[in-house]
Amino acid sequence: MREILLAGLAMIVISVAASFGLKEIGFSSADQNTGQAVRLD
């Protein structure tokens, strides 16, 4: 049970750190998930 909780906590810490890191270098998660071929009709 302890390992599952630690894994969940690690996922939360990594995702929050990645979000702040991307914003600091000028990217957002939306920028990372969209490509050049997006149609805006």
PDB file of N, CA and C in Angstrom:
ATOM      1  N   MET A   1       0.821  -1.195   0.000  1.00  0.00           N
ATOM      2  CA  MET A   1       0.000   0.000   0.000  1.00  0.00           C
ATOM      3  C   MET A   1       0.870   1.267   0.000  1.00  0.00           C
ATOM      4  N   ARG A   2       1.958   1.222   0.738  1.00  0.00           N
ATOM      5  CA  ARG A   2       2.831   2.388   0.815  1.00  0.00           C
ATOM      6  C   ARG A   2       3.444   2.716  -0.545  1.00  0.00           C
ATOM      7  N   GLU A   3       3.797   1.691  -1.307  1.00  0.00           N
ATOM      8  CA  GLU A   3       4.413   1.919  -2.620  1.00  0.00           C
ATOM      9  C   GLU A   3       3.444   2.587  -3.581  1.00  0.00           C
ATOM     10  N   ILE A   4       2.183   2.213  -3.521  1.00  0.00           N
ATOM     11  CA  ILE A   4       1.175   2.810  -4.398  1.00  0.00           C
ATOM     12  C   ILE A   4       1.016   4.294  -4.069  1.00  0.00           C
ATOM     13  N   LEU A   5       0.972   4.622  -2.794  1.00  0.00           N
ATOM     14  CA  LEU A   5       0.843   6.020  -2.400  1.00  0.00           C
ATOM     15  C   LEU A   5       2.072   6.831  -2.795  1.00  0.00           C
ATOM     16  N   LEU A   6       3.251   6.258  -2.639  1.00  0.00           N
ATOM     17  CA  LEU A   6       4.473   6.952  -3.048  1.00  0.00           C
ATOM     18  C   LEU A   6       4.521   7.166  -4.558  1.00  0.00           C
ATOM     19  N   ALA A   7       4.062   6.177  -5.314  1.00  0.00           N
ATOM     20  CA  ALA A   7       4.025   6.319  -6.775  1.00  0.00           C
ATOM     21  C   ALA A   7       3.049   7.416  -7.181  1.00  0.00           C
ATOM     22  N   GLY A   8       1.892   7.478  -6.539  1.00  0.00           N
ATOM     23  CA  GLY A   8       0.934   8.541  -6.830  1.00  0.00           C
ATOM     24  C   GLY A   8       1.484   9.911  -6.489  1.00  0.00           C
ATOM     25  N   LEU A   9       2.141  10.021  -5.357  1.00  0.00           N
ATOM     26  CA  LEU A   9       2.760  11.286  -4.965  1.00  0.00           C
ATOM     27  C   LEU A   9       3.858  11.690  -5.949  1.00  0.00           C
ATOM     28  N   ALA A  10       4.648  10.720  -6.397  1.00  0.00           N
ATOM     29  CA  ALA A  10       5.702  11.005  -7.369  1.00  0.00           C
ATOM     30  C   ALA A  10       5.109  11.515  -8.680  1.00  0.00           C
ATOM     31  N   MET A  11       4.005  10.922  -9.124  1.00  0.00           N
ATOM     32  CA  MET A  11       3.359  11.382 -10.364  1.00  0.00           C
ATOM     33  C   MET A  11       2.877  12.821 -10.225  1.00  0.00           C
ATOM     34  N   ILE A  12       2.319  13.154  -9.078  1.00  0.00           N
ATOM     35  CA  ILE A  12       1.832  14.516  -8.859  1.00  0.00           C
ATOM     36  C   ILE A  12       2.987  15.504  -8.856  1.00  0.00           C
ATOM     37  N   VAL A  13       4.058  15.164  -8.149  1.00  0.00           N
ATOM     38  CA  VAL A  13       5.220  16.064  -8.069  1.00  0.00           C
ATOM     39  C   VAL A  13       5.847  16.260  -9.446  1.00  0.00           C
ATOM     40  N   ILE A  14       5.995  15.189 -10.212  1.00  0.00           N
ATOM     41  CA  ILE A  14       6.598  15.295 -11.545  1.00  0.00           C
ATOM     42  C   ILE A  14       5.733  16.131 -12.471  1.00  0.00           C
ATOM     43  N   SER A  15       4.416  15.927 -12.443  1.00  0.00           N
ATOM     44  CA  SER A  15       3.547  16.678 -13.353  1.00  0.00           C
ATOM     45  C   SER A  15       3.510  18.165 -12.993  1.00  0.00           C
ATOM     46  N   VAL A  16       3.507  18.493 -11.715  1.00  0.00           N
ATOM     47  CA  VAL A  16       3.519  19.905 -11.309  1.00  0.00           C
ATOM     48  C   VAL A  16       4.852  20.549 -11.677  1.00  0.00           C
ATOM     49  N   ALA A  17       5.947  19.841 -11.440  1.00  0.00           N
ATOM     50  CA  ALA A  17       7.267  20.382 -11.787  1.00  0.00           C
ATOM     51  C   ALA A  17       7.397  20.583 -13.296  1.00  0.00           C
ATOM     52  N   ALA A  18       6.876  19.650 -14.089  1.00  0.00           N
ATOM     53  CA  ALA A  18       6.936  19.788 -15.546  1.00  0.00           C
ATOM     54  C   ALA A  18       6.103  20.975 -16.012  1.00  0.00           C
ATOM     55  N   SER A  19       4.950  21.171 -15.408  1.00  0.00           N
ATOM     56  CA  SER A  19       4.095  22.293 -15.782  1.00  0.00           C
ATOM     57  C   SER A  19       4.793  23.618 -15.508  1.00  0.00           C
ATOM     58  N   PHE A  20       5.369  23.770 -14.305  1.00  0.00           N
ATOM     59  CA  PHE A  20       6.087  25.003 -13.986  1.00  0.00           C
ATOM     60  C   PHE A  20       7.318  25.167 -14.863  1.00  0.00           C
ATOM     61  N   GLY A  21       8.019  24.082 -15.143  1.00  0.00           N
ATOM     62  CA  GLY A  21       9.211  24.154 -15.983  1.00  0.00           C
ATOM     63  C   GLY A  21       8.891  24.595 -17.391  1.00  0.00           C
ATOM     64  N   LEU A  22       7.812  24.068 -17.971  1.00  0.00           N
ATOM     65  CA  LEU A  22       7.419  24.474 -19.320  1.00  0.00           C
ATOM     66  C   LEU A  22       7.026  25.944 -19.359  1.00  0.00           C
ATOM     67  N   LYS A  23       6.320  26.401 -18.340  1.00  0.00           N
ATOM     68  CA  LYS A  23       5.914  27.814 -18.321  1.00  0.00           C
ATOM     69  C   LYS A  23       7.121  28.731 -18.181  1.00  0.00           C
ATOM     70  N   GLU A  24       8.126  28.313 -17.433  1.00  0.00           N
ATOM     71  CA  GLU A  24       9.324  29.134 -17.243  1.00  0.00           C
ATOM     72  C   GLU A  24      10.117  29.299 -18.533  1.00  0.00           C
ATOM     73  N   ILE A  25      10.126  28.289 -19.396  1.00  0.00           N
ATOM     74  CA  ILE A  25      10.884  28.399 -20.644  1.00  0.00           C
ATOM     75  C   ILE A  25      10.024  28.868 -21.806  1.00  0.00           C
ATOM     76  N   GLY A  26       8.763  29.228 -21.525  1.00  0.00           N
ATOM     77  CA  GLY A  26       7.928  29.838 -22.554  1.00  0.00           C
ATOM     78  C   GLY A  26       6.988  28.906 -23.268  1.00  0.00           C
ATOM     79  N   PHE A  27       6.783  27.713 -22.778  1.00  0.00           N
ATOM     80  CA  PHE A  27       5.855  26.779 -23.391  1.00  0.00           C
ATOM     81  C   PHE A  27       4.725  26.489 -22.419  1.00  0.00           C
ATOM     82  N   SER A  28       3.629  26.022 -22.966  1.00  0.00           N
ATOM     83  CA  SER A  28       2.548  25.511 -22.126  1.00  0.00           C
ATOM     84  C   SER A  28       2.252  24.092 -22.582  1.00  0.00           C
ATOM     85  N   SER A  29       1.497  23.352 -21.797  1.00  0.00           N
ATOM     86  CA  SER A  29       1.157  21.992 -22.204  1.00  0.00           C
ATOM     87  C   SER A  29       0.308  22.010 -23.463  1.00  0.00           C
ATOM     88  N   ALA A  30      -0.478  23.055 -23.679  1.00  0.00           N
ATOM     89  CA  ALA A  30      -1.258  23.165 -24.912  1.00  0.00           C
ATOM     90  C   ALA A  30      -0.335  23.323 -26.119  1.00  0.00           C
ATOM     91  N   ASP A  31       0.750  24.073 -25.978  1.00  0.00           N
ATOM     92  CA  ASP A  31       1.716  24.222 -27.063  1.00  0.00           C
ATOM     93  C   ASP A  31       2.380  22.893 -27.390  1.00  0.00           C
ATOM     94  N   GLN A  32       2.635  22.086 -26.399  1.00  0.00           N
ATOM     95  CA  GLN A  32       3.299  20.808 -26.615  1.00  0.00           C
ATOM     96  C   GLN A  32       2.382  19.804 -27.303  1.00  0.00           C
ATOM     97  N   ASN A  33       1.069  19.950 -27.144  1.00  0.00           N
ATOM     98  CA  ASN A  33       0.117  18.972 -27.671  1.00  0.00           C
ATOM     99  C   ASN A  33      -0.532  19.398 -28.983  1.00  0.00           C
ATOM    100  N   THR A  34      -0.211  20.564 -29.505  1.00  0.00           N
ATOM    101  CA  THR A  34      -0.767  20.993 -30.780  1.00  0.00           C
ATOM    102  C   THR A  34       0.325  21.035 -31.829  1.00  0.00           C
ATOM    103  N   GLY A  35      -0.049  20.672 -33.033  1.00  0.00           N
ATOM    104  CA  GLY A  35       0.904  20.666 -34.123  1.00  0.00           C
ATOM    105  C   GLY A  35       0.638  21.804 -35.094  1.00  0.00           C
ATOM    106  N   GLN A  36       1.384  21.843 -36.153  1.00  0.00           N
ATOM    107  CA  GLN A  36       1.235  22.887 -37.171  1.00  0.00           C
ATOM    108  C   GLN A  36      -0.005  22.656 -38.030  1.00  0.00           C
ATOM    109  N   ALA A  37      -0.536  21.435 -38.063  1.00  0.00           N
ATOM    110  CA  ALA A  37      -1.642  21.097 -38.952  1.00  0.00           C
ATOM    111  C   ALA A  37      -2.999  21.247 -38.285  1.00  0.00           C
ATOM    112  N   VAL A  38      -3.130  22.172 -37.362  1.00  0.00           N
ATOM    113  CA  VAL A  38      -4.409  22.371 -36.670  1.00  0.00           C
ATOM    114  C   VAL A  38      -5.240  23.356 -37.477  1.00  0.00           C
ATOM    115  N   ARG A  39      -6.469  22.950 -37.801  1.00  0.00           N
ATOM    116  CA  ARG A  39      -7.374  23.825 -38.547  1.00  0.00           C
ATOM    117  C   ARG A  39      -8.229  24.620 -37.581  1.00  0.00           C
ATOM    118  N   LEU A  40      -8.316  25.901 -37.799  1.00  0.00           N
ATOM    119  CA  LEU A  40      -9.138  26.767 -36.968  1.00  0.00           C
ATOM    120  C   LEU A  40     -10.267  27.348 -37.787  1.00  0.00           C
ATOM    121  N   ASP A  41     -11.171  26.497 -38.222  1.00  0.00           N
ATOM    122  CA  ASP A  41     -12.311  26.945 -39.053  1.00  0.00           C
ATOM    123  C   ASP A  41     -13.431  27.455 -38.201  1.00  0.00           C
TER     124      ASP A  41
END
